[in-house]
N, C-alpha and C. Protein backbone atom coordinates (compact mmCIF):
# COMPACT_ATOMS: atom_id res chain seq x y z
N MET A 1 0.37 -10.18 -15.56
CA MET A 1 -0.18 -9.02 -14.31
C MET A 1 1.29 -7.47 -14.93
N ARG A 2 0.90 -6.82 -15.48
CA ARG A 2 1.12 -5.84 -16.24
C ARG A 2 2.03 -5.03 -15.19
N VAL A 3 3.04 -4.53 -15.26
CA VAL A 3 3.93 -3.83 -14.08
C VAL A 3 4.50 -2.31 -14.79
N VAL A 4 4.23 -1.02 -13.98
CA VAL A 4 5.08 0.02 -14.81
C VAL A 4 6.29 0.10 -13.08
N LEU A 5 6.82 -0.12 -13.57
CA LEU A 5 8.19 0.17 -12.75
C LEU A 5 9.16 1.59 -12.43
N GLY A 6 8.96 2.93 -11.26
CA GLY A 6 9.71 3.50 -11.32
C GLY A 6 10.61 4.01 -10.89
N GLU A 7 12.02 3.96 -11.40
CA GLU A 7 13.42 3.83 -10.07
C GLU A 7 14.10 4.62 -10.90
N ASP A 8 15.01 5.26 -10.19
CA ASP A 8 16.04 6.52 -10.88
C ASP A 8 17.33 5.18 -10.96
N LEU A 9 17.59 4.55 -9.72
CA LEU A 9 18.86 3.54 -9.57
C LEU A 9 18.92 2.93 -10.58
N TYR A 10 19.65 3.02 -11.56
CA TYR A 10 19.95 1.67 -13.02
C TYR A 10 19.85 0.51 -12.72
N LEU A 11 20.98 -0.21 -11.55
CA LEU A 11 20.67 -1.61 -11.44
C LEU A 11 19.36 -1.82 -10.52
N LEU A 12 19.77 -0.84 -9.59
CA LEU A 12 17.68 -1.29 -8.76
C LEU A 12 16.99 -1.68 -9.73
N ARG A 13 16.98 -0.68 -10.56
CA ARG A 13 15.58 -0.82 -11.54
C ARG A 13 15.80 -2.07 -12.49
N GLU A 14 17.33 -2.33 -13.20
CA GLU A 14 16.91 -3.68 -13.98
C GLU A 14 17.11 -4.94 -12.93
N GLY A 15 17.39 -4.93 -11.76
CA GLY A 15 16.75 -6.02 -11.13
C GLY A 15 15.25 -5.93 -10.25
N LEU A 16 14.52 -4.88 -10.46
CA LEU A 16 13.38 -5.64 -9.74
C LEU A 16 12.38 -5.72 -11.19
N ALA A 17 12.42 -4.63 -12.59
CA ALA A 17 12.23 -5.69 -13.07
C ALA A 17 12.54 -7.44 -14.06
N ARG A 18 14.13 -7.47 -12.91
CA ARG A 18 13.85 -8.86 -13.58
C ARG A 18 13.74 -10.10 -13.11
N LEU A 19 13.63 -9.38 -11.36
CA LEU A 19 12.41 -9.87 -10.42
C LEU A 19 11.23 -10.48 -10.57
N LEU A 20 10.86 -9.41 -11.19
CA LEU A 20 8.87 -9.74 -11.18
C LEU A 20 8.82 -10.48 -12.54
N ILE A 21 9.70 -10.05 -13.75
CA ILE A 21 9.33 -11.28 -14.82
C ILE A 21 10.14 -12.62 -14.37
N ALA A 22 11.00 -12.69 -13.43
CA ALA A 22 11.38 -13.97 -12.95
C ALA A 22 9.79 -14.71 -12.64
N HIS A 23 9.08 -13.72 -11.96
CA HIS A 23 7.85 -14.02 -10.82
C HIS A 23 6.97 -14.22 -11.70
N GLY A 24 6.88 -14.06 -13.58
CA GLY A 24 5.50 -14.61 -14.60
C GLY A 24 4.97 -12.95 -14.64
N CYS A 25 5.67 -11.87 -14.54
CA CYS A 25 4.48 -10.39 -14.39
C CYS A 25 5.43 -9.81 -15.66
N GLU A 26 4.65 -8.98 -15.85
CA GLU A 26 5.46 -8.13 -17.55
C GLU A 26 5.45 -7.10 -17.07
N VAL A 27 6.69 -6.29 -17.43
CA VAL A 27 7.08 -5.04 -17.28
C VAL A 27 6.40 -4.45 -18.12
N VAL A 28 5.61 -3.53 -18.27
CA VAL A 28 5.68 -2.68 -19.49
C VAL A 28 6.05 -1.70 -19.76
N ALA A 29 7.02 -1.10 -18.87
CA ALA A 29 7.69 0.17 -18.94
C ALA A 29 8.89 0.25 -17.72
N ALA A 30 9.91 0.69 -17.87
CA ALA A 30 10.55 1.12 -16.55
C ALA A 30 11.28 1.81 -16.79
N VAL A 31 11.17 3.31 -16.04
CA VAL A 31 11.80 4.49 -15.92
C VAL A 31 12.05 4.84 -15.20
N GLY A 32 13.16 6.27 -15.21
CA GLY A 32 14.40 6.42 -14.21
C GLY A 32 13.69 7.93 -13.69
N ASP A 33 12.82 8.59 -14.60
CA ASP A 33 12.26 10.27 -13.21
C ASP A 33 10.88 9.74 -13.46
N GLY A 34 10.24 11.03 -13.02
CA GLY A 34 9.05 11.69 -12.45
C GLY A 34 8.23 12.07 -13.84
N PRO A 35 8.57 12.91 -15.14
CA PRO A 35 7.73 12.81 -16.14
C PRO A 35 7.70 12.37 -16.81
N GLY A 36 8.17 10.91 -16.80
CA GLY A 36 8.74 9.56 -17.71
C GLY A 36 7.48 8.55 -17.03
N LEU A 37 7.72 8.51 -15.79
CA LEU A 37 6.93 7.57 -14.92
C LEU A 37 5.07 8.37 -15.54
N LEU A 38 4.61 9.26 -14.68
CA LEU A 38 3.92 9.53 -15.34
C LEU A 38 3.15 9.10 -16.49
N GLU A 39 4.34 9.70 -17.65
CA GLU A 39 3.52 9.20 -18.91
C GLU A 39 3.21 7.59 -18.98
N ALA A 40 4.30 6.98 -18.30
CA ALA A 40 3.89 5.86 -18.81
C ALA A 40 2.55 5.25 -17.94
N MET A 41 2.40 5.76 -16.58
CA MET A 41 1.52 5.09 -15.66
C MET A 41 -0.05 5.00 -16.80
N ILE A 42 -0.28 6.72 -17.23
CA ILE A 42 -1.07 6.70 -18.23
C ILE A 42 -1.26 6.36 -19.13
N GLU A 43 -0.18 5.86 -19.91
CA GLU A 43 -0.04 5.39 -21.56
C GLU A 43 -0.14 4.12 -21.31
N HIS A 44 -0.19 3.24 -20.06
CA HIS A 44 0.08 1.58 -20.35
C HIS A 44 -1.44 1.49 -19.64
N ARG A 45 -1.54 2.16 -18.30
CA ARG A 45 -2.58 1.59 -17.38
C ARG A 45 -2.40 0.62 -17.09
N PRO A 46 -1.09 0.48 -15.84
CA PRO A 46 -1.08 -1.25 -15.74
C PRO A 46 -2.00 -1.49 -14.23
N ASP A 47 -1.43 -2.80 -14.26
CA ASP A 47 -2.29 -3.76 -13.25
C ASP A 47 -1.55 -3.28 -11.25
N VAL A 48 -0.49 -2.96 -11.95
CA VAL A 48 0.55 -2.06 -10.49
C VAL A 48 1.08 -1.25 -11.14
N ALA A 49 1.50 -0.55 -10.63
CA ALA A 49 2.73 0.62 -10.52
C ALA A 49 3.71 0.49 -9.32
N VAL A 50 4.75 0.24 -9.47
CA VAL A 50 5.55 -0.04 -8.64
C VAL A 50 6.46 1.82 -8.53
N VAL A 51 6.24 2.41 -7.54
CA VAL A 51 6.69 3.44 -8.01
C VAL A 51 7.79 4.40 -6.35
N ASP A 52 9.23 4.82 -6.74
CA ASP A 52 10.32 5.62 -6.16
C ASP A 52 9.69 6.80 -5.65
N VAL A 53 10.07 7.01 -4.01
CA VAL A 53 9.51 8.53 -3.83
C VAL A 53 10.80 9.37 -4.91
N ARG A 54 11.65 9.69 -4.47
CA ARG A 54 12.47 10.82 -4.81
C ARG A 54 13.08 9.99 -6.27
N MET A 55 12.86 10.60 -7.17
CA MET A 55 13.47 10.68 -8.34
C MET A 55 13.77 11.78 -9.42
N PRO A 56 14.58 12.26 -10.47
CA PRO A 56 14.94 13.36 -11.48
C PRO A 56 13.71 13.79 -11.33
N PRO A 57 13.33 14.96 -12.07
CA PRO A 57 14.83 15.58 -11.96
C PRO A 57 15.33 16.23 -10.62
N THR A 58 14.34 16.63 -9.42
CA THR A 58 14.71 17.14 -8.20
C THR A 58 15.00 16.34 -7.51
N PHE A 59 14.64 15.09 -7.61
CA PHE A 59 15.05 14.05 -6.02
C PHE A 59 14.26 14.41 -4.71
N THR A 60 13.18 15.17 -4.95
CA THR A 60 12.55 14.85 -3.70
C THR A 60 11.05 14.06 -3.34
N ASP A 61 10.20 14.48 -4.42
CA ASP A 61 8.76 13.41 -4.51
C ASP A 61 8.08 13.54 -5.34
N GLU A 62 9.16 13.24 -6.61
CA GLU A 62 8.61 12.81 -7.97
C GLU A 62 7.77 11.93 -8.47
N GLY A 63 8.02 10.99 -7.62
CA GLY A 63 7.42 9.45 -7.82
C GLY A 63 5.93 9.90 -7.41
N LEU A 64 5.42 10.06 -6.13
CA LEU A 64 4.69 10.51 -5.61
C LEU A 64 3.18 10.90 -5.97
N ARG A 65 4.03 12.27 -6.14
CA ARG A 65 2.88 13.31 -7.31
C ARG A 65 3.14 12.71 -8.47
N ALA A 66 3.56 12.09 -9.06
CA ALA A 66 3.58 11.49 -10.01
C ALA A 66 2.19 10.33 -10.50
N ALA A 67 2.18 9.96 -8.96
CA ALA A 67 1.62 8.18 -8.79
C ALA A 67 -0.08 9.03 -8.26
N LEU A 68 -0.32 10.19 -7.98
CA LEU A 68 -1.16 10.75 -7.33
C LEU A 68 -1.79 11.87 -9.03
N ALA A 69 -0.79 12.01 -9.70
CA ALA A 69 -1.22 12.58 -11.20
C ALA A 69 -1.88 11.90 -11.94
N ALA A 70 -1.45 10.30 -12.01
CA ALA A 70 -1.73 9.11 -12.54
C ALA A 70 -3.08 8.68 -12.32
N ARG A 71 -3.42 8.99 -10.49
CA ARG A 71 -4.50 8.29 -10.11
C ARG A 71 -5.68 9.16 -10.23
N ALA A 72 -5.31 10.51 -10.81
CA ALA A 72 -6.19 11.82 -11.14
C ALA A 72 -6.68 11.37 -12.42
N ARG A 73 -5.94 10.84 -13.02
CA ARG A 73 -6.57 10.32 -14.60
C ARG A 73 -6.82 8.83 -14.86
N VAL A 74 -6.33 8.26 -13.94
CA VAL A 74 -6.79 6.48 -14.44
C VAL A 74 -7.43 6.38 -12.31
N PRO A 75 -8.44 6.74 -11.93
CA PRO A 75 -9.23 6.84 -11.00
C PRO A 75 -8.79 4.58 -10.45
N GLY A 76 -7.91 4.47 -9.38
CA GLY A 76 -8.28 3.51 -8.94
C GLY A 76 -6.98 3.09 -9.05
N LEU A 77 -5.79 3.39 -9.87
CA LEU A 77 -4.73 2.54 -10.46
C LEU A 77 -3.73 2.04 -9.37
N PRO A 78 -3.87 1.03 -9.23
CA PRO A 78 -3.14 0.36 -8.28
C PRO A 78 -0.98 1.04 -8.00
N VAL A 79 -1.15 1.40 -6.93
CA VAL A 79 -0.19 1.47 -6.78
C VAL A 79 0.45 1.52 -5.50
N LEU A 80 2.32 0.61 -5.64
CA LEU A 80 2.85 0.27 -4.39
C LEU A 80 3.99 1.08 -4.18
N VAL A 81 4.51 1.87 -3.49
CA VAL A 81 4.81 2.88 -3.39
C VAL A 81 6.63 2.01 -2.56
N LEU A 82 7.82 2.07 -3.08
CA LEU A 82 8.61 1.20 -3.12
C LEU A 82 10.11 1.92 -2.02
N SER A 83 9.79 2.87 -1.17
CA SER A 83 11.18 3.74 -1.03
C SER A 83 12.12 3.65 0.18
N GLN A 84 13.31 4.35 0.06
CA GLN A 84 13.58 4.62 1.63
C GLN A 84 13.19 5.54 2.66
N TYR A 85 12.08 6.65 2.24
CA TYR A 85 11.52 7.64 3.16
C TYR A 85 10.19 7.60 3.20
N VAL A 86 9.22 8.06 3.92
CA VAL A 86 8.30 8.20 4.57
C VAL A 86 8.28 9.68 4.26
N GLU A 87 7.48 9.93 2.98
CA GLU A 87 6.81 11.27 2.72
C GLU A 87 5.08 11.41 3.10
N GLN A 88 4.94 12.06 4.52
CA GLN A 88 3.60 11.85 5.53
C GLN A 88 2.83 12.61 4.19
N LEU A 89 3.15 13.74 3.98
CA LEU A 89 2.15 14.52 3.43
C LEU A 89 1.41 13.85 2.05
N TYR A 90 2.15 13.49 1.29
CA TYR A 90 1.84 13.03 -0.23
C TYR A 90 1.10 11.65 0.08
N ALA A 91 2.49 10.79 1.15
CA ALA A 91 1.55 9.58 1.15
C ALA A 91 -0.27 9.81 1.79
N ARG A 92 0.12 10.55 2.44
CA ARG A 92 -1.50 10.51 3.05
C ARG A 92 -2.38 11.18 2.15
N GLU A 93 -2.29 11.86 0.95
CA GLU A 93 -2.79 12.29 0.34
C GLU A 93 -3.35 11.22 -0.92
N LEU A 94 -2.54 10.31 -0.84
CA LEU A 94 -2.11 9.16 -1.95
C LEU A 94 -2.97 7.99 -1.48
N LEU A 95 -3.52 8.28 -0.22
CA LEU A 95 -4.63 7.22 0.02
C LEU A 95 -5.74 7.40 0.52
N ALA A 96 -5.99 9.15 0.54
CA ALA A 96 -7.44 9.66 1.11
C ALA A 96 -8.57 9.45 -0.24
N ASP A 97 -8.13 9.01 -1.52
CA ASP A 97 -9.31 9.22 -2.60
C ASP A 97 -10.29 7.23 -1.80
N GLY A 98 -8.89 6.40 -1.44
CA GLY A 98 -9.85 5.07 -1.13
C GLY A 98 -10.45 4.28 -2.13
N ALA A 99 -9.43 4.30 -3.53
CA ALA A 99 -10.37 4.45 -4.91
C ALA A 99 -8.57 2.92 -5.68
N GLY A 100 -8.90 1.57 -5.22
CA GLY A 100 -7.73 0.68 -5.35
C GLY A 100 -6.91 0.61 -4.60
N GLY A 101 -5.83 -0.63 -5.14
CA GLY A 101 -4.84 -0.60 -4.17
C GLY A 101 -3.82 0.04 -3.87
N ILE A 102 -3.43 -0.29 -2.25
CA ILE A 102 -2.13 1.05 -2.28
C ILE A 102 -1.62 0.25 -1.32
N GLY A 103 0.25 0.33 -1.72
CA GLY A 103 0.96 -0.29 -0.75
C GLY A 103 1.77 1.05 -0.09
N TYR A 104 2.94 0.70 0.61
CA TYR A 104 3.73 1.74 1.02
C TYR A 104 4.96 0.99 1.63
N LEU A 105 5.82 0.48 1.30
CA LEU A 105 7.49 -0.21 1.65
C LEU A 105 8.51 0.33 1.85
N LEU A 106 9.30 0.15 2.45
CA LEU A 106 10.29 0.82 3.12
C LEU A 106 11.33 0.04 2.59
N LYS A 107 12.30 -0.05 1.83
CA LYS A 107 13.34 -0.76 0.66
C LYS A 107 14.26 -1.31 2.19
N ASP A 108 14.94 -0.65 2.64
CA ASP A 108 15.41 -1.56 3.71
C ASP A 108 14.85 -2.84 4.53
N ARG A 109 13.60 -3.04 4.25
CA ARG A 109 12.97 -3.56 5.33
C ARG A 109 12.06 -4.58 4.34
N VAL A 110 12.09 -4.96 3.21
CA VAL A 110 11.76 -5.66 2.35
C VAL A 110 12.62 -6.63 2.25
N PHE A 111 12.48 -8.00 2.78
CA PHE A 111 13.85 -9.20 3.56
C PHE A 111 13.43 -9.91 2.06
N ASP A 112 12.73 -10.29 1.42
CA ASP A 112 13.14 -11.61 0.35
C ASP A 112 12.21 -11.43 -1.33
N ALA A 113 12.61 -11.78 -1.27
CA ALA A 113 11.88 -11.02 -3.21
C ALA A 113 10.59 -11.44 -2.91
N ALA A 114 10.21 -12.97 -2.52
CA ALA A 114 8.67 -13.83 -2.06
C ALA A 114 7.94 -12.52 -1.40
N GLN A 115 8.46 -11.87 -0.20
CA GLN A 115 7.68 -10.84 -0.07
C GLN A 115 7.17 -9.99 -0.71
N PHE A 116 8.33 -9.15 -1.52
CA PHE A 116 8.33 -8.10 -2.39
C PHE A 116 7.30 -8.72 -3.46
N VAL A 117 7.28 -9.55 -3.85
CA VAL A 117 5.90 -9.79 -4.89
C VAL A 117 4.91 -10.20 -4.81
N ASP A 118 5.12 -10.45 -3.42
CA ASP A 118 3.18 -10.57 -2.63
C ASP A 118 2.81 -9.42 -2.17
N ALA A 119 3.44 -8.56 -2.02
CA ALA A 119 3.34 -7.21 -1.66
C ALA A 119 2.60 -6.80 -3.18
N VAL A 120 3.50 -6.54 -4.64
CA VAL A 120 3.15 -6.04 -5.62
C VAL A 120 1.77 -7.43 -6.15
N ARG A 121 1.48 -8.16 -5.80
CA ARG A 121 0.48 -9.15 -5.81
C ARG A 121 -1.02 -8.38 -5.26
N ARG A 122 -0.43 -8.24 -4.40
CA ARG A 122 -1.15 -8.28 -2.85
C ARG A 122 -2.39 -6.29 -3.76
N VAL A 123 -1.19 -5.40 -3.82
CA VAL A 123 -2.01 -4.22 -4.00
C VAL A 123 -2.74 -4.57 -5.87
N ALA A 124 -2.43 -5.30 -6.31
CA ALA A 124 -2.68 -5.32 -7.77
C ALA A 124 -3.86 -5.66 -7.82
N ALA A 125 -4.46 -6.30 -6.73
CA ALA A 125 -5.20 -7.27 -6.55
C ALA A 125 -6.44 -6.48 -5.37
N GLY A 126 -6.18 -4.81 -5.14
CA GLY A 126 -6.98 -4.40 -5.29
C GLY A 126 -7.29 -3.98 -3.69
N GLY A 127 -5.72 -4.45 -3.01
CA GLY A 127 -5.47 -5.09 -1.10
C GLY A 127 -4.24 -3.76 -0.96
N THR A 128 -3.94 -4.09 0.29
CA THR A 128 -3.60 -3.35 0.99
C THR A 128 -2.07 -4.13 1.30
N ALA A 129 -0.89 -2.72 0.98
CA ALA A 129 0.65 -3.51 1.90
C ALA A 129 1.52 -2.71 2.56
N MET A 130 1.35 -2.09 3.63
CA MET A 130 1.73 -0.94 4.60
C MET A 130 2.71 -1.99 5.56
N ASP A 131 3.78 -0.99 4.97
CA ASP A 131 5.02 -0.91 5.88
C ASP A 131 4.86 -0.57 7.59
N PRO A 132 5.23 -1.60 8.36
CA PRO A 132 4.97 -1.27 9.93
C PRO A 132 5.35 -0.07 10.59
N GLU A 133 6.31 0.91 9.68
CA GLU A 133 7.02 1.26 10.28
C GLU A 133 6.24 2.69 9.19
N VAL A 134 6.08 3.05 8.27
CA VAL A 134 5.38 4.17 7.79
C VAL A 134 4.14 3.81 8.10
N ILE A 135 2.87 2.98 8.47
CA ILE A 135 2.29 3.29 9.24
C ILE A 135 2.03 4.34 10.56
N ALA A 136 3.12 3.56 11.86
CA ALA A 136 3.28 4.38 12.52
C ALA A 136 3.73 6.14 12.58
N LYS A 137 4.62 6.12 11.30
CA LYS A 137 4.91 7.70 11.07
C LYS A 137 3.80 8.37 10.76
N LEU A 138 2.86 7.80 10.14
CA LEU A 138 1.02 8.63 9.43
C LEU A 138 0.77 8.51 10.60
N LEU A 139 0.45 7.80 11.70
CA LEU A 139 0.00 7.97 12.84
C LEU A 139 0.44 9.08 14.16
N ALA A 140 1.64 8.85 13.41
CA ALA A 140 2.27 9.84 14.66
C ALA A 140 1.73 11.53 15.24
N HIS A 141 0.68 11.79 14.72
CA HIS A 141 0.77 13.09 14.50
C HIS A 141 -0.33 13.56 15.52
N GLY A 142 -1.21 12.48 16.06
CA GLY A 142 -2.04 12.90 16.33
C GLY A 142 -3.33 11.62 17.10
N GLY A 143 -4.36 12.05 17.54
CA GLY A 143 -4.98 11.14 18.02
C GLY A 143 -6.07 10.88 17.18
N ALA A 144 -6.95 9.47 17.66
CA ALA A 144 -8.05 8.92 16.22
C ALA A 144 -8.90 9.80 16.20
N LYS A 145 -9.61 10.15 14.88
CA LYS A 145 -11.36 10.85 15.19
C LYS A 145 -12.56 9.37 15.41
N GLU A 146 -12.98 10.00 15.16
CA GLU A 146 -14.63 9.11 14.97
C GLU A 146 -14.79 8.75 13.96
N PRO A 147 -15.20 7.53 13.61
CA PRO A 147 -15.49 6.66 15.03
C PRO A 147 -14.35 5.54 15.27
N LEU A 148 -13.18 5.49 14.49
CA LEU A 148 -12.24 4.79 15.00
C LEU A 148 -12.03 4.82 16.74
N GLY A 149 -12.02 5.93 17.09
CA GLY A 149 -12.10 6.71 18.70
C GLY A 149 -12.85 5.24 19.21
N THR A 150 -13.99 4.60 18.81
CA THR A 150 -14.71 3.66 19.50
C THR A 150 -14.30 2.78 19.46
N LEU A 151 -13.16 2.32 19.09
CA LEU A 151 -12.39 1.08 18.53
C LEU A 151 -11.68 0.87 20.34
N THR A 152 -11.33 -0.57 20.93
CA THR A 152 -10.72 -0.72 22.29
C THR A 152 -9.61 -0.94 21.65
N PRO A 153 -8.90 -0.72 22.89
CA PRO A 153 -6.80 -1.36 22.09
C PRO A 153 -6.78 -2.46 21.34
N ARG A 154 -7.63 -3.36 21.62
CA ARG A 154 -7.38 -4.65 21.25
C ARG A 154 -7.39 -4.80 19.58
N GLU A 155 -8.72 -4.07 19.45
CA GLU A 155 -8.98 -3.45 18.39
C GLU A 155 -8.22 -3.23 17.25
N LEU A 156 -7.65 -1.64 17.97
CA LEU A 156 -6.75 -0.91 17.12
C LEU A 156 -5.88 -2.02 16.75
N GLU A 157 -4.97 -2.77 17.86
CA GLU A 157 -4.24 -3.65 17.29
C GLU A 157 -4.46 -4.44 15.82
N VAL A 158 -5.47 -5.52 16.09
CA VAL A 158 -5.99 -5.35 14.62
C VAL A 158 -5.91 -5.16 13.84
N LEU A 159 -6.72 -3.73 13.79
CA LEU A 159 -6.74 -2.94 12.79
C LEU A 159 -4.92 -2.55 11.97
N GLY A 160 -4.37 -2.19 12.93
CA GLY A 160 -3.15 -1.77 12.23
C GLY A 160 -2.36 -2.91 11.70
N LEU A 161 -2.64 -4.38 12.45
CA LEU A 161 -1.56 -5.41 11.69
C LEU A 161 -2.71 -5.57 10.82
N MET A 162 -3.91 -6.04 9.85
CA MET A 162 -4.40 -5.74 9.04
C MET A 162 -4.29 -4.41 7.66
N ALA A 163 -3.78 -3.22 8.27
CA ALA A 163 -3.24 -2.47 7.64
C ALA A 163 -1.93 -3.29 7.00
N GLU A 164 -0.81 -3.83 7.86
CA GLU A 164 0.42 -4.29 7.46
C GLU A 164 0.19 -5.45 6.16
N GLY A 165 -1.04 -6.09 5.88
CA GLY A 165 -1.95 -6.72 5.22
C GLY A 165 -1.65 -8.13 5.50
N ARG A 166 -1.72 -8.23 6.83
CA ARG A 166 -1.75 -9.60 7.19
C ARG A 166 -3.02 -10.22 7.19
N SER A 167 -2.96 -11.46 6.94
CA SER A 167 -4.99 -12.35 7.31
C SER A 167 -5.39 -12.34 8.96
N ASN A 168 -5.97 -12.92 8.61
CA ASN A 168 -6.33 -13.63 10.29
C ASN A 168 -5.76 -14.58 10.51
N ALA A 169 -5.40 -15.08 10.14
CA ALA A 169 -4.13 -16.33 10.54
C ALA A 169 -2.57 -15.74 10.81
N ALA A 170 -2.53 -14.70 10.38
CA ALA A 170 -1.18 -14.35 10.81
C ALA A 170 -1.33 -13.43 11.65
N ILE A 171 -2.80 -12.97 11.85
CA ILE A 171 -3.04 -11.57 12.68
C ILE A 171 -3.07 -12.59 14.29
N ALA A 172 -3.71 -13.64 14.07
CA ALA A 172 -3.57 -14.35 15.32
C ALA A 172 -2.52 -15.49 15.88
N ALA A 173 -1.16 -15.94 15.55
CA ALA A 173 -0.12 -15.77 15.04
C ALA A 173 0.44 -14.72 16.23
N LYS A 174 0.60 -13.54 15.57
CA LYS A 174 1.27 -12.51 15.94
C LYS A 174 0.91 -12.17 17.64
N LEU A 175 -0.79 -12.64 17.87
CA LEU A 175 -1.10 -11.61 19.27
C LEU A 175 -1.44 -13.36 19.67
N VAL A 176 -0.88 -13.94 19.71
CA VAL A 176 -1.10 -15.21 20.19
C VAL A 176 -2.30 -15.67 20.59
N VAL A 177 -3.33 -15.39 19.77
CA VAL A 177 -4.61 -16.36 20.12
C VAL A 177 -5.70 -16.74 18.51
N THR A 178 -6.97 -16.77 19.08
CA THR A 178 -7.31 -18.20 18.23
C THR A 178 -7.73 -16.98 17.05
N GLU A 179 -8.06 -17.76 15.81
CA GLU A 179 -8.83 -17.20 15.06
C GLU A 179 -9.76 -16.51 14.77
N ARG A 180 -10.38 -17.36 15.51
CA ARG A 180 -11.68 -17.79 16.16
C ARG A 180 -11.88 -15.63 16.87
N ALA A 181 -11.11 -15.56 17.64
CA ALA A 181 -10.71 -14.27 18.15
C ALA A 181 -10.36 -12.83 17.21
N VAL A 182 -9.44 -13.16 16.44
CA VAL A 182 -9.54 -12.26 15.55
C VAL A 182 -10.79 -11.78 14.39
N ALA A 183 -11.17 -13.47 14.75
CA ALA A 183 -12.26 -12.97 13.63
C ALA A 183 -13.65 -11.68 14.07
N LYS A 184 -13.56 -12.31 15.16
CA LYS A 184 -14.58 -11.76 16.25
C LYS A 184 -14.42 -10.18 16.63
N HIS A 185 -12.89 -9.89 16.36
CA HIS A 185 -12.41 -8.43 16.86
C HIS A 185 -12.43 -7.48 15.20
N THR A 186 -12.07 -8.63 13.98
CA THR A 186 -12.34 -7.59 13.28
C THR A 186 -13.88 -7.29 12.66
N SER A 187 -14.75 -8.50 13.03
CA SER A 187 -16.81 -8.38 12.77
C SER A 187 -16.55 -7.02 13.91
N ASN A 188 -16.50 -6.74 14.76
CA ASN A 188 -16.49 -5.26 15.54
C ASN A 188 -16.17 -3.96 15.10
N ILE A 189 -14.98 -4.48 14.60
CA ILE A 189 -14.62 -3.47 13.79
C ILE A 189 -14.75 -2.81 13.08
N PHE A 190 -15.27 -4.02 11.55
CA PHE A 190 -16.93 -3.56 10.79
C PHE A 190 -18.33 -2.66 10.67
N ALA A 191 -18.49 -3.51 11.95
CA ALA A 191 -19.44 -2.62 13.09
C ALA A 191 -19.57 -1.62 13.14
N LYS A 192 -18.17 -0.93 14.19
CA LYS A 192 -18.23 0.26 14.72
C LYS A 192 -17.40 1.62 13.86
N LEU A 193 -17.29 0.78 12.44
CA LEU A 193 -16.27 1.75 11.47
C LEU A 193 -17.93 1.58 9.92
N ASP A 194 -18.88 1.11 10.70
CA ASP A 194 -20.32 1.61 9.75
C ASP A 194 -20.11 0.68 8.15
N LEU A 195 -19.70 -0.43 8.42
CA LEU A 195 -19.05 -1.34 7.07
C LEU A 195 -20.10 -1.98 6.50
N PRO A 196 -20.86 -1.73 6.07
CA PRO A 196 -22.12 -2.45 5.51
C PRO A 196 -21.30 -4.54 4.93
N PRO A 197 -22.10 -5.36 5.50
CA PRO A 197 -21.91 -6.57 5.14
C PRO A 197 -21.19 -6.83 3.42
N SER A 198 -20.21 -6.94 3.08
CA SER A 198 -19.99 -7.34 1.23
C SER A 198 -18.75 -8.35 1.43
N ASP A 199 -17.83 -8.13 -0.04
CA ASP A 199 -16.86 -9.02 0.34
C ASP A 199 -15.68 -8.45 1.13
N ASP A 200 -15.20 -9.97 2.56
CA ASP A 200 -14.55 -9.11 3.43
C ASP A 200 -13.30 -8.57 2.72
N ASP A 201 -12.49 -9.00 1.99
CA ASP A 201 -11.05 -8.39 1.64
C ASP A 201 -11.86 -7.07 0.94
N ASN A 202 -12.79 -6.47 0.56
CA ASN A 202 -13.35 -5.04 0.37
C ASN A 202 -13.54 -3.89 1.70
N ARG A 203 -14.27 -5.04 2.43
CA ARG A 203 -14.17 -4.06 3.53
C ARG A 203 -13.02 -4.06 4.67
N ARG A 204 -12.35 -4.97 4.62
CA ARG A 204 -10.68 -4.66 5.27
C ARG A 204 -10.04 -3.74 4.68
N VAL A 205 -10.15 -3.37 3.36
CA VAL A 205 -9.31 -2.19 2.30
C VAL A 205 -10.51 -0.73 3.08
N LEU A 206 -11.24 -0.90 3.05
CA LEU A 206 -11.82 0.43 3.27
C LEU A 206 -11.45 0.14 4.85
N ALA A 207 -11.50 -0.47 5.90
CA ALA A 207 -11.30 -0.38 7.24
C ALA A 207 -9.64 0.18 7.87
N VAL A 208 -8.89 -0.54 6.22
CA VAL A 208 -7.33 -0.30 6.37
C VAL A 208 -7.50 1.28 6.41
N LEU A 209 -7.99 1.73 5.05
CA LEU A 209 -7.58 3.08 4.27
C LEU A 209 -8.43 4.30 6.15
N ALA A 210 -9.68 3.73 6.24
CA ALA A 210 -9.98 4.67 7.43
C ALA A 210 -9.01 4.73 8.94
N TYR A 211 -8.43 3.18 9.11
CA TYR A 211 -7.42 3.67 10.05
C TYR A 211 -6.48 4.13 9.57
N LEU A 212 -5.59 4.25 8.77
CA LEU A 212 -4.67 5.25 7.98
C LEU A 212 -5.18 6.74 7.08
N ASN A 213 -6.00 6.92 7.41
CA ASN A 213 -6.16 8.36 7.66
C ASN A 213 -6.91 9.38 8.96
N ARG A 214 -6.69 8.20 9.43
CA ARG A 214 -7.08 9.23 10.70
C ARG A 214 -6.86 10.51 11.39
């Protein structure tokens, strides 16, 4: 798996690069500023880009804007945002096109190496890896739009856990219900969101994107 890494703090950038390499990834570029990140993503077209939000030269939102610009040039480029901050406007825009894997994790909530690498692999495979706090902030602005408004509170709860990247088994454990019950909820969710039968992983991603973009 080929990775482009964008992080302005040298020690953290080197640490992440070594961690990824130790888990079998190839770090094709590790850069510390927004323009360099954009250039690396376009040049290398990696399997996934791991991107900090605030990078030089202005330390505002260069990382996210670079990711958006790269996805405009390389449609579907998988991006995992790893940041201390939730930039709601650009995060929504990053999620909006529905193409390619997307993740957004807060640095202080990534508890171990295995969790981080699992999120990187999930996004590279076209899935989602969303921090619950990020989801909460993205959804804080208002209520659901149709057809999400047709979902029951439990179905919305299941969909929120899907957005965190949890499997049916993990959702069942979290809600203290059976996997069969979770499967029924997800089936209802797909039907209400008018997601036709296809690969389950693809439908999960589409459902999650609908949820996050409401």
